[in-house]
Amino acid sequence: MIRRVQGLTQESVRFDTDLNIGRIESGRHSILLTTLADLCDYYHISQEDFFREIVTRK
């Protein structure tokens, strides 16, 4: 998980971004692509790198 690898807490991300990252991480809240883009910017990763880690069924 990107947040944990960067040593960030859910509280610090929520404070910095005003997003309830706990709900997003647990799947209780869906996000828009613009929100994903904002999170990628916050974590200093490209959207390409974010999606590269996603495993899909073949």
PDB file of N, CA and C in Angstrom:
ATOM      1  N   MET A   1       0.847  -1.176   0.000  1.00  0.00           N
ATOM      2  CA  MET A   1       0.000   0.000   0.000  1.00  0.00           C
ATOM      3  C   MET A   1       0.898   1.246   0.000  1.00  0.00           C
ATOM      4  N   ILE A   2       0.607   2.128  -0.893  1.00  0.00           N
ATOM      5  CA  ILE A   2       1.448   3.308  -1.101  1.00  0.00           C
ATOM      6  C   ILE A   2       1.584   4.137   0.163  1.00  0.00           C
ATOM      7  N   ARG A   3       0.472   4.365   0.836  1.00  0.00           N
ATOM      8  CA  ARG A   3       0.495   5.199   2.040  1.00  0.00           C
ATOM      9  C   ARG A   3       1.428   4.617   3.088  1.00  0.00           C
ATOM     10  N   ARG A   4       1.319   3.336   3.324  1.00  0.00           N
ATOM     11  CA  ARG A   4       2.156   2.694   4.349  1.00  0.00           C
ATOM     12  C   ARG A   4       3.628   2.685   3.960  1.00  0.00           C
ATOM     13  N   VAL A   5       3.900   2.419   2.695  1.00  0.00           N
ATOM     14  CA  VAL A   5       5.285   2.418   2.220  1.00  0.00           C
ATOM     15  C   VAL A   5       5.927   3.777   2.448  1.00  0.00           C
ATOM     16  N   GLN A   6       5.133   4.831   2.296  1.00  0.00           N
ATOM     17  CA  GLN A   6       5.656   6.188   2.493  1.00  0.00           C
ATOM     18  C   GLN A   6       5.643   6.608   3.961  1.00  0.00           C
ATOM     19  N   GLY A   7       5.194   5.708   4.840  1.00  0.00           N
ATOM     20  CA  GLY A   7       5.209   5.997   6.274  1.00  0.00           C
ATOM     21  C   GLY A   7       4.157   6.995   6.718  1.00  0.00           C
ATOM     22  N   LEU A   8       3.057   7.073   5.979  1.00  0.00           N
ATOM     23  CA  LEU A   8       1.997   8.032   6.300  1.00  0.00           C
ATOM     24  C   LEU A   8       0.851   7.334   7.022  1.00  0.00           C
ATOM     25  N   THR A   9       0.222   8.041   7.934  1.00  0.00           N
ATOM     26  CA  THR A   9      -0.963   7.524   8.614  1.00  0.00           C
ATOM     27  C   THR A   9      -2.210   7.988   7.876  1.00  0.00           C
ATOM     28  N   GLN A  10      -3.306   7.289   8.124  1.00  0.00           N
ATOM     29  CA  GLN A  10      -4.578   7.724   7.546  1.00  0.00           C
ATOM     30  C   GLN A  10      -4.910   9.131   8.028  1.00  0.00           C
ATOM     31  N   GLU A  11      -4.613   9.408   9.277  1.00  0.00           N
ATOM     32  CA  GLU A  11      -4.908  10.734   9.836  1.00  0.00           C
ATOM     33  C   GLU A  11      -4.123  11.837   9.130  1.00  0.00           C
ATOM     34  N   SER A  12      -2.843  11.566   8.846  1.00  0.00           N
ATOM     35  CA  SER A  12      -2.036  12.610   8.194  1.00  0.00           C
ATOM     36  C   SER A  12      -2.522  12.858   6.764  1.00  0.00           C
ATOM     37  N   VAL A  13      -2.908  11.789   6.056  1.00  0.00           N
ATOM     38  CA  VAL A  13      -3.427  11.961   4.693  1.00  0.00           C
ATOM     39  C   VAL A  13      -4.743  12.726   4.744  1.00  0.00           C
ATOM     40  N   ARG A  14      -5.592  12.383   5.697  1.00  0.00           N
ATOM     41  CA  ARG A  14      -6.881  13.087   5.807  1.00  0.00           C
ATOM     42  C   ARG A  14      -6.654  14.565   6.128  1.00  0.00           C
ATOM     43  N   PHE A  15      -5.716  14.857   7.001  1.00  0.00           N
ATOM     44  CA  PHE A  15      -5.421  16.249   7.358  1.00  0.00           C
ATOM     45  C   PHE A  15      -4.900  17.017   6.140  1.00  0.00           C
ATOM     46  N   ASP A  16      -3.992  16.381   5.392  1.00  0.00           N
ATOM     47  CA  ASP A  16      -3.364  17.057   4.247  1.00  0.00           C
ATOM     48  C   ASP A  16      -4.288  17.189   3.040  1.00  0.00           C
ATOM     49  N   THR A  17      -5.189  16.201   2.842  1.00  0.00           N
ATOM     50  CA  THR A  17      -5.996  16.170   1.614  1.00  0.00           C
ATOM     51  C   THR A  17      -7.478  16.413   1.831  1.00  0.00           C
ATOM     52  N   ASP A  18      -7.918  16.348   3.073  1.00  0.00           N
ATOM     53  CA  ASP A  18      -9.339  16.449   3.413  1.00  0.00           C
ATOM     54  C   ASP A  18     -10.153  15.294   2.817  1.00  0.00           C
ATOM     55  N   LEU A  19      -9.483  14.146   2.614  1.00  0.00           N
ATOM     56  CA  LEU A  19     -10.142  12.944   2.121  1.00  0.00           C
ATOM     57  C   LEU A  19     -10.123  11.885   3.219  1.00  0.00           C
ATOM     58  N   ASN A  20     -11.235  11.185   3.399  1.00  0.00           N
ATOM     59  CA  ASN A  20     -11.284  10.107   4.380  1.00  0.00           C
ATOM     60  C   ASN A  20     -10.665   8.867   3.739  1.00  0.00           C
ATOM     61  N   ILE A  21      -9.364   8.777   3.832  1.00  0.00           N
ATOM     62  CA  ILE A  21      -8.625   7.713   3.169  1.00  0.00           C
ATOM     63  C   ILE A  21      -8.969   6.345   3.742  1.00  0.00           C
ATOM     64  N   GLY A  22      -9.386   6.294   4.997  1.00  0.00           N
ATOM     65  CA  GLY A  22      -9.783   5.028   5.613  1.00  0.00           C
ATOM     66  C   GLY A  22     -10.975   4.416   4.903  1.00  0.00           C
ATOM     67  N   ARG A  23     -11.941   5.226   4.571  1.00  0.00           N
ATOM     68  CA  ARG A  23     -13.119   4.737   3.833  1.00  0.00           C
ATOM     69  C   ARG A  23     -12.744   4.305   2.427  1.00  0.00           C
ATOM     70  N   ILE A  24     -11.842   5.035   1.817  1.00  0.00           N
ATOM     71  CA  ILE A  24     -11.411   4.692   0.460  1.00  0.00           C
ATOM     72  C   ILE A  24     -10.649   3.370   0.483  1.00  0.00           C
ATOM     73  N   GLU A  25      -9.710   3.225   1.413  1.00  0.00           N
ATOM     74  CA  GLU A  25      -8.900   2.012   1.492  1.00  0.00           C
ATOM     75  C   GLU A  25      -9.735   0.779   1.824  1.00  0.00           C
ATOM     76  N   SER A  26     -10.769   0.942   2.610  1.00  0.00           N
ATOM     77  CA  SER A  26     -11.596  -0.203   3.002  1.00  0.00           C
ATOM     78  C   SER A  26     -12.658  -0.546   1.964  1.00  0.00           C
ATOM     79  N   GLY A  27     -12.789   0.293   0.939  1.00  0.00           N
ATOM     80  CA  GLY A  27     -13.775   0.053  -0.103  1.00  0.00           C
ATOM     81  C   GLY A  27     -15.176   0.507   0.266  1.00  0.00           C
ATOM     82  N   ARG A  28     -15.311   1.255   1.356  1.00  0.00           N
ATOM     83  CA  ARG A  28     -16.622   1.757   1.759  1.00  0.00           C
ATOM     84  C   ARG A  28     -16.991   3.038   1.030  1.00  0.00           C
ATOM     85  N   HIS A  29     -16.074   3.587   0.267  1.00  0.00           N
ATOM     86  CA  HIS A  29     -16.317   4.843  -0.426  1.00  0.00           C
ATOM     87  C   HIS A  29     -15.644   4.782  -1.799  1.00  0.00           C
ATOM     88  N   SER A  30     -16.390   5.066  -2.834  1.00  0.00           N
ATOM     89  CA  SER A  30     -15.828   5.122  -4.180  1.00  0.00           C
ATOM     90  C   SER A  30     -15.285   6.521  -4.431  1.00  0.00           C
ATOM     91  N   ILE A  31     -14.338   6.613  -5.344  1.00  0.00           N
ATOM     92  CA  ILE A  31     -13.767   7.918  -5.660  1.00  0.00           C
ATOM     93  C   ILE A  31     -13.843   8.172  -7.158  1.00  0.00           C
ATOM     94  N   LEU A  32     -13.757   9.428  -7.506  1.00  0.00           N
ATOM     95  CA  LEU A  32     -13.701   9.840  -8.904  1.00  0.00           C
ATOM     96  C   LEU A  32     -12.264   9.751  -9.404  1.00  0.00           C
ATOM     97  N   LEU A  33     -12.100   9.712 -10.706  1.00  0.00           N
ATOM     98  CA  LEU A  33     -10.749   9.697 -11.264  1.00  0.00           C
ATOM     99  C   LEU A  33      -9.969  10.957 -10.895  1.00  0.00           C
ATOM    100  N   THR A  34     -10.677  12.063 -10.754  1.00  0.00           N
ATOM    101  CA  THR A  34      -9.985  13.295 -10.357  1.00  0.00           C
ATOM    102  C   THR A  34      -9.436  13.174  -8.936  1.00  0.00           C
ATOM    103  N   THR A  35     -10.170  12.473  -8.072  1.00  0.00           N
ATOM    104  CA  THR A  35      -9.680  12.251  -6.709  1.00  0.00           C
ATOM    105  C   THR A  35      -8.471  11.336  -6.733  1.00  0.00           C
ATOM    106  N   LEU A  36      -8.508  10.309  -7.572  1.00  0.00           N
ATOM    107  CA  LEU A  36      -7.361   9.420  -7.718  1.00  0.00           C
ATOM    108  C   LEU A  36      -6.148  10.203  -8.211  1.00  0.00           C
ATOM    109  N   ALA A  37      -6.363  11.097  -9.149  1.00  0.00           N
ATOM    110  CA  ALA A  37      -5.269  11.926  -9.659  1.00  0.00           C
ATOM    111  C   ALA A  37      -4.690  12.793  -8.549  1.00  0.00           C
ATOM    112  N   ASP A  38      -5.559  13.352  -7.717  1.00  0.00           N
ATOM    113  CA  ASP A  38      -5.094  14.160  -6.582  1.00  0.00           C
ATOM    114  C   ASP A  38      -4.271  13.313  -5.620  1.00  0.00           C
ATOM    115  N   LEU A  39      -4.720  12.093  -5.345  1.00  0.00           N
ATOM    116  CA  LEU A  39      -3.977  11.214  -4.430  1.00  0.00           C
ATOM    117  C   LEU A  39      -2.627  10.821  -5.034  1.00  0.00           C
ATOM    118  N   CYS A  40      -2.601  10.536  -6.319  1.00  0.00           N
ATOM    119  CA  CYS A  40      -1.328  10.218  -6.967  1.00  0.00           C
ATOM    120  C   CYS A  40      -0.358  11.390  -6.856  1.00  0.00           C
ATOM    121  N   ASP A  41      -0.854  12.594  -7.068  1.00  0.00           N
ATOM    122  CA  ASP A  41      -0.011  13.784  -6.898  1.00  0.00           C
ATOM    123  C   ASP A  41       0.494  13.878  -5.455  1.00  0.00           C
ATOM    124  N   TYR A  42      -0.396  13.643  -4.503  1.00  0.00           N
ATOM    125  CA  TYR A  42      -0.026  13.716  -3.083  1.00  0.00           C
ATOM    126  C   TYR A  42       1.065  12.703  -2.748  1.00  0.00           C
ATOM    127  N   TYR A  43       0.928  11.485  -3.288  1.00  0.00           N
ATOM    128  CA  TYR A  43       1.902  10.424  -3.012  1.00  0.00           C
ATOM    129  C   TYR A  43       3.125  10.491  -3.923  1.00  0.00           C
ATOM    130  N   HIS A  44       3.145  11.434  -4.845  1.00  0.00           N
ATOM    131  CA  HIS A  44       4.260  11.625  -5.781  1.00  0.00           C
ATOM    132  C   HIS A  44       4.493  10.394  -6.650  1.00  0.00           C
ATOM    133  N   ILE A  45       3.400   9.839  -7.183  1.00  0.00           N
ATOM    134  CA  ILE A  45       3.501   8.741  -8.133  1.00  0.00           C
ATOM    135  C   ILE A  45       2.655   9.088  -9.355  1.00  0.00           C
ATOM    136  N   SER A  46       3.007   8.499 -10.468  1.00  0.00           N
ATOM    137  CA  SER A  46       2.202   8.727 -11.671  1.00  0.00           C
ATOM    138  C   SER A  46       0.992   7.805 -11.636  1.00  0.00           C
ATOM    139  N   GLN A  47      -0.032   8.184 -12.359  1.00  0.00           N
ATOM    140  CA  GLN A  47      -1.200   7.311 -12.465  1.00  0.00           C
ATOM    141  C   GLN A  47      -0.818   6.015 -13.178  1.00  0.00           C
ATOM    142  N   GLU A  48       0.101   6.106 -14.098  1.00  0.00           N
ATOM    143  CA  GLU A  48       0.594   4.909 -14.791  1.00  0.00           C
ATOM    144  C   GLU A  48       1.196   3.924 -13.796  1.00  0.00           C
ATOM    145  N   ASP A  49       2.028   4.416 -12.883  1.00  0.00           N
ATOM    146  CA  ASP A  49       2.625   3.539 -11.871  1.00  0.00           C
ATOM    147  C   ASP A  49       1.566   2.976 -10.929  1.00  0.00           C
ATOM    148  N   PHE A  50       0.571   3.772 -10.586  1.00  0.00           N
ATOM    149  CA  PHE A  50      -0.503   3.293  -9.721  1.00  0.00           C
ATOM    150  C   PHE A  50      -1.213   2.109 -10.369  1.00  0.00           C
ATOM    151  N   PHE A  51      -1.601   2.251 -11.618  1.00  0.00           N
ATOM    152  CA  PHE A  51      -2.345   1.192 -12.294  1.00  0.00           C
ATOM    153  C   PHE A  51      -1.477  -0.004 -12.649  1.00  0.00           C
ATOM    154  N   ARG A  52      -0.188   0.183 -12.743  1.00  0.00           N
ATOM    155  CA  ARG A  52       0.720  -0.918 -13.064  1.00  0.00           C
ATOM    156  C   ARG A  52       0.656  -2.001 -11.984  1.00  0.00           C
ATOM    157  N   GLU A  53       0.386  -1.615 -10.753  1.00  0.00           N
ATOM    158  CA  GLU A  53       0.350  -2.561  -9.636  1.00  0.00           C
ATOM    159  C   GLU A  53      -0.954  -3.346  -9.538  1.00  0.00           C
ATOM    160  N   ILE A  54      -1.954  -2.990 -10.320  1.00  0.00           N
ATOM    161  CA  ILE A  54      -3.258  -3.641 -10.235  1.00  0.00           C
ATOM    162  C   ILE A  54      -3.242  -4.949 -11.028  1.00  0.00           C
ATOM    163  N   VAL A  55      -3.655  -6.013 -10.383  1.00  0.00           N
ATOM    164  CA  VAL A  55      -3.725  -7.320 -11.013  1.00  0.00           C
ATOM    165  C   VAL A  55      -5.166  -7.583 -11.424  1.00  0.00           C
ATOM    166  N   THR A  56      -5.374  -7.968 -12.651  1.00  0.00           N
ATOM    167  CA  THR A  56      -6.717  -8.264 -13.144  1.00  0.00           C
ATOM    168  C   THR A  56      -6.815  -9.736 -13.503  1.00  0.00           C
ATOM    169  N   ARG A  57      -8.051 -10.203 -13.533  1.00  0.00           N
ATOM    170  CA  ARG A  57      -8.292 -11.582 -13.960  1.00  0.00           C
ATOM    171  C   ARG A  57      -8.140 -11.677 -15.464  1.00  0.00           C
ATOM    172  N   LYS A  58      -7.627 -12.797 -15.911  1.00  0.00           N
ATOM    173  CA  LYS A  58      -7.462 -12.993 -17.366  1.00  0.00           C
ATOM    174  C   LYS A  58      -8.514 -13.913 -17.885  1.00  0.00           C
TER     175      LYS A  58
END
